[in-house]
Structure formats: C-alpha cells, structure tokens
Protein backbone atom coordinates (compact mmCIF):
# COMPACT_ATOMS: atom_id res chain seq x y z
CA UNK A 1 -28.41 4.21 -66.52
CA UNK A 2 -28.60 0.97 -64.59
CA UNK A 3 -25.82 -1.56 -64.16
CA UNK A 4 -27.76 -3.97 -66.39
CA UNK A 5 -27.90 -1.37 -69.16
CA UNK A 6 -24.16 -0.70 -68.79
CA UNK A 7 -23.36 -4.40 -69.08
CA UNK A 8 -25.30 -4.61 -72.33
CA UNK A 9 -23.46 -1.81 -74.13
CA UNK A 10 -21.46 -3.42 -76.93
CA UNK A 11 -20.41 -0.33 -78.80
CA UNK A 12 -17.35 1.49 -77.32
CA UNK A 13 -18.66 4.75 -78.79
CA UNK A 14 -21.72 4.47 -76.54
CA UNK A 15 -19.45 4.15 -73.50
CA UNK A 16 -17.46 7.22 -74.55
CA UNK A 17 -20.69 9.16 -74.95
CA UNK A 18 -21.82 8.03 -71.51
CA UNK A 19 -18.45 9.03 -70.02
CA UNK A 20 -18.81 12.48 -71.58
CA UNK A 21 -22.29 12.90 -70.12
CA UNK A 22 -21.10 11.89 -66.64
CA UNK A 23 -18.11 14.24 -66.80
CA UNK A 24 -20.28 17.14 -68.00
CA UNK A 25 -22.77 16.55 -65.20
CA UNK A 26 -20.16 16.45 -62.45
CA UNK A 27 -18.23 19.50 -63.70
CA UNK A 28 -21.24 21.68 -64.47
CA UNK A 29 -20.90 24.89 -62.49
CA UNK A 30 -23.87 26.06 -60.50
CA UNK A 31 -24.76 28.59 -57.81
CA UNK A 32 -26.82 28.34 -54.66
CA UNK A 33 -29.14 31.31 -54.13
CA UNK A 34 -30.51 31.85 -50.64
CA UNK A 35 -33.74 33.83 -50.26
CA UNK A 36 -34.86 35.99 -47.38
CA UNK A 37 -37.68 34.90 -45.12
CA UNK A 38 -39.27 36.14 -41.95
CA UNK A 39 -38.95 32.80 -40.17
CA UNK A 40 -35.28 32.60 -39.17
CA UNK A 41 -33.06 34.74 -36.97
CA UNK A 42 -29.77 36.17 -38.20
CA UNK A 43 -27.88 33.76 -35.94
CA UNK A 44 -29.73 30.72 -37.34
CA UNK A 45 -28.97 31.73 -40.92
CA UNK A 46 -25.33 32.53 -40.15
CA UNK A 47 -24.79 29.18 -38.43
CA UNK A 48 -26.42 27.27 -41.30
CA UNK A 49 -24.41 29.08 -43.97
CA UNK A 50 -21.20 28.23 -42.10
CA UNK A 51 -22.31 24.61 -41.73
CA UNK A 52 -23.25 24.33 -45.41
CA UNK A 53 -20.36 26.18 -47.03
CA UNK A 54 -17.59 25.96 -44.41
CA UNK A 55 -16.96 29.68 -44.90
CA UNK A 56 -15.71 31.96 -42.11
CA UNK A 57 -18.33 33.46 -39.80
CA UNK A 58 -17.56 36.97 -41.08
CA UNK A 59 -18.40 35.90 -44.63
CA UNK A 60 -21.61 34.21 -43.45
CA UNK A 61 -22.57 37.41 -41.61
CA UNK A 62 -22.02 39.48 -44.78
CA UNK A 63 -24.06 37.02 -46.85
CA UNK A 64 -26.86 37.06 -44.27
CA UNK A 65 -27.00 40.85 -44.42
CA UNK A 66 -27.12 40.74 -48.23
CA UNK A 67 -30.00 38.25 -48.07
CA UNK A 68 -31.80 40.48 -45.58
CA UNK A 69 -31.41 43.75 -47.49
CA UNK A 70 -31.55 42.53 -51.11
CA UNK A 71 -33.93 39.63 -50.63
CA UNK A 72 -31.45 37.04 -51.87
CA UNK A 73 -27.74 36.31 -52.23
CA UNK A 74 -25.49 33.82 -53.97
CA UNK A 75 -24.05 31.92 -51.03
CA UNK A 76 -22.08 29.27 -52.90
CA UNK A 77 -20.69 28.49 -56.34
CA UNK A 78 -19.26 25.15 -57.41
CA UNK A 79 -20.01 21.88 -59.13
CA UNK A 80 -23.59 20.67 -59.33
CA UNK A 81 -22.96 17.97 -56.73
CA UNK A 82 -21.39 20.49 -54.32
CA UNK A 83 -24.29 22.90 -54.81
CA UNK A 84 -26.84 20.17 -54.20
CA UNK A 85 -25.07 19.30 -50.93
CA UNK A 86 -24.92 22.96 -49.82
CA UNK A 87 -28.56 23.52 -50.71
CA UNK A 88 -29.62 20.41 -48.79
CA UNK A 89 -27.79 21.58 -45.66
CA UNK A 90 -29.39 25.04 -45.87
CA UNK A 91 -32.81 23.46 -46.32
CA UNK A 92 -32.35 21.31 -43.19
CA UNK A 93 -33.81 24.24 -41.24
CA UNK A 94 -36.29 25.16 -44.01
CA UNK A 95 -34.28 27.99 -45.57
CA UNK A 96 -35.39 28.73 -49.12
CA UNK A 97 -32.80 28.07 -51.82
CA UNK A 98 -32.58 27.80 -55.57
CA UNK A 99 -29.88 26.40 -57.85
CA UNK A 100 -28.82 28.43 -60.88
CA UNK A 101 -26.76 27.13 -63.78
C-alpha cells in the first residue's frame, strides 16, 4: 500500500485491518533450507552460514555436513524478514536456498 493510499483511508476499521496484515507478515515464522551443490567447498559454505546466521562455527560445520550427506538442511528459523535476510546472504555466493512457511 502506498503512502497516498494510506492517506485516503477514512474508515478506522480499514486501518486496523491493515495493521493486522502488517503484524501477521512480520511475525510469520519461516525456515531457510540450504541445498547441496557441487560448486562450493566446505569452508565456503561454513563461512557463509556463519555470516548469514551468526551461529558458532561448530554449528555451521554440523549444518554443512547435514547438507552434504542429506542433500539439504534447515539452517535458520525465524520471522519472514529474518529468513529473507539470511537467504540473501547465503545466495551472495550462489548457494541454493528455499524459504518454507
């Protein structure tokens, strides 16, 4: 919704509905799934997971092994906006991710 559209809302009920939609969107829980590929080294993946999630290196190592052996792993869980940020950081080096709701 644009600022112009917001300024033209006369009905308080419409604003409450909009507030509810915004709150639902920002609190929606999601997961970031990281998929295995044959392009990146273990060290590259570990470093990027740490950068994206701020988790300890030992956790990033365990997640990287899970991705390698199972083909994918959930590397982060949080709000939609957090997951979008984490996914974007992982994709900076062309890692393959997916968001799940």
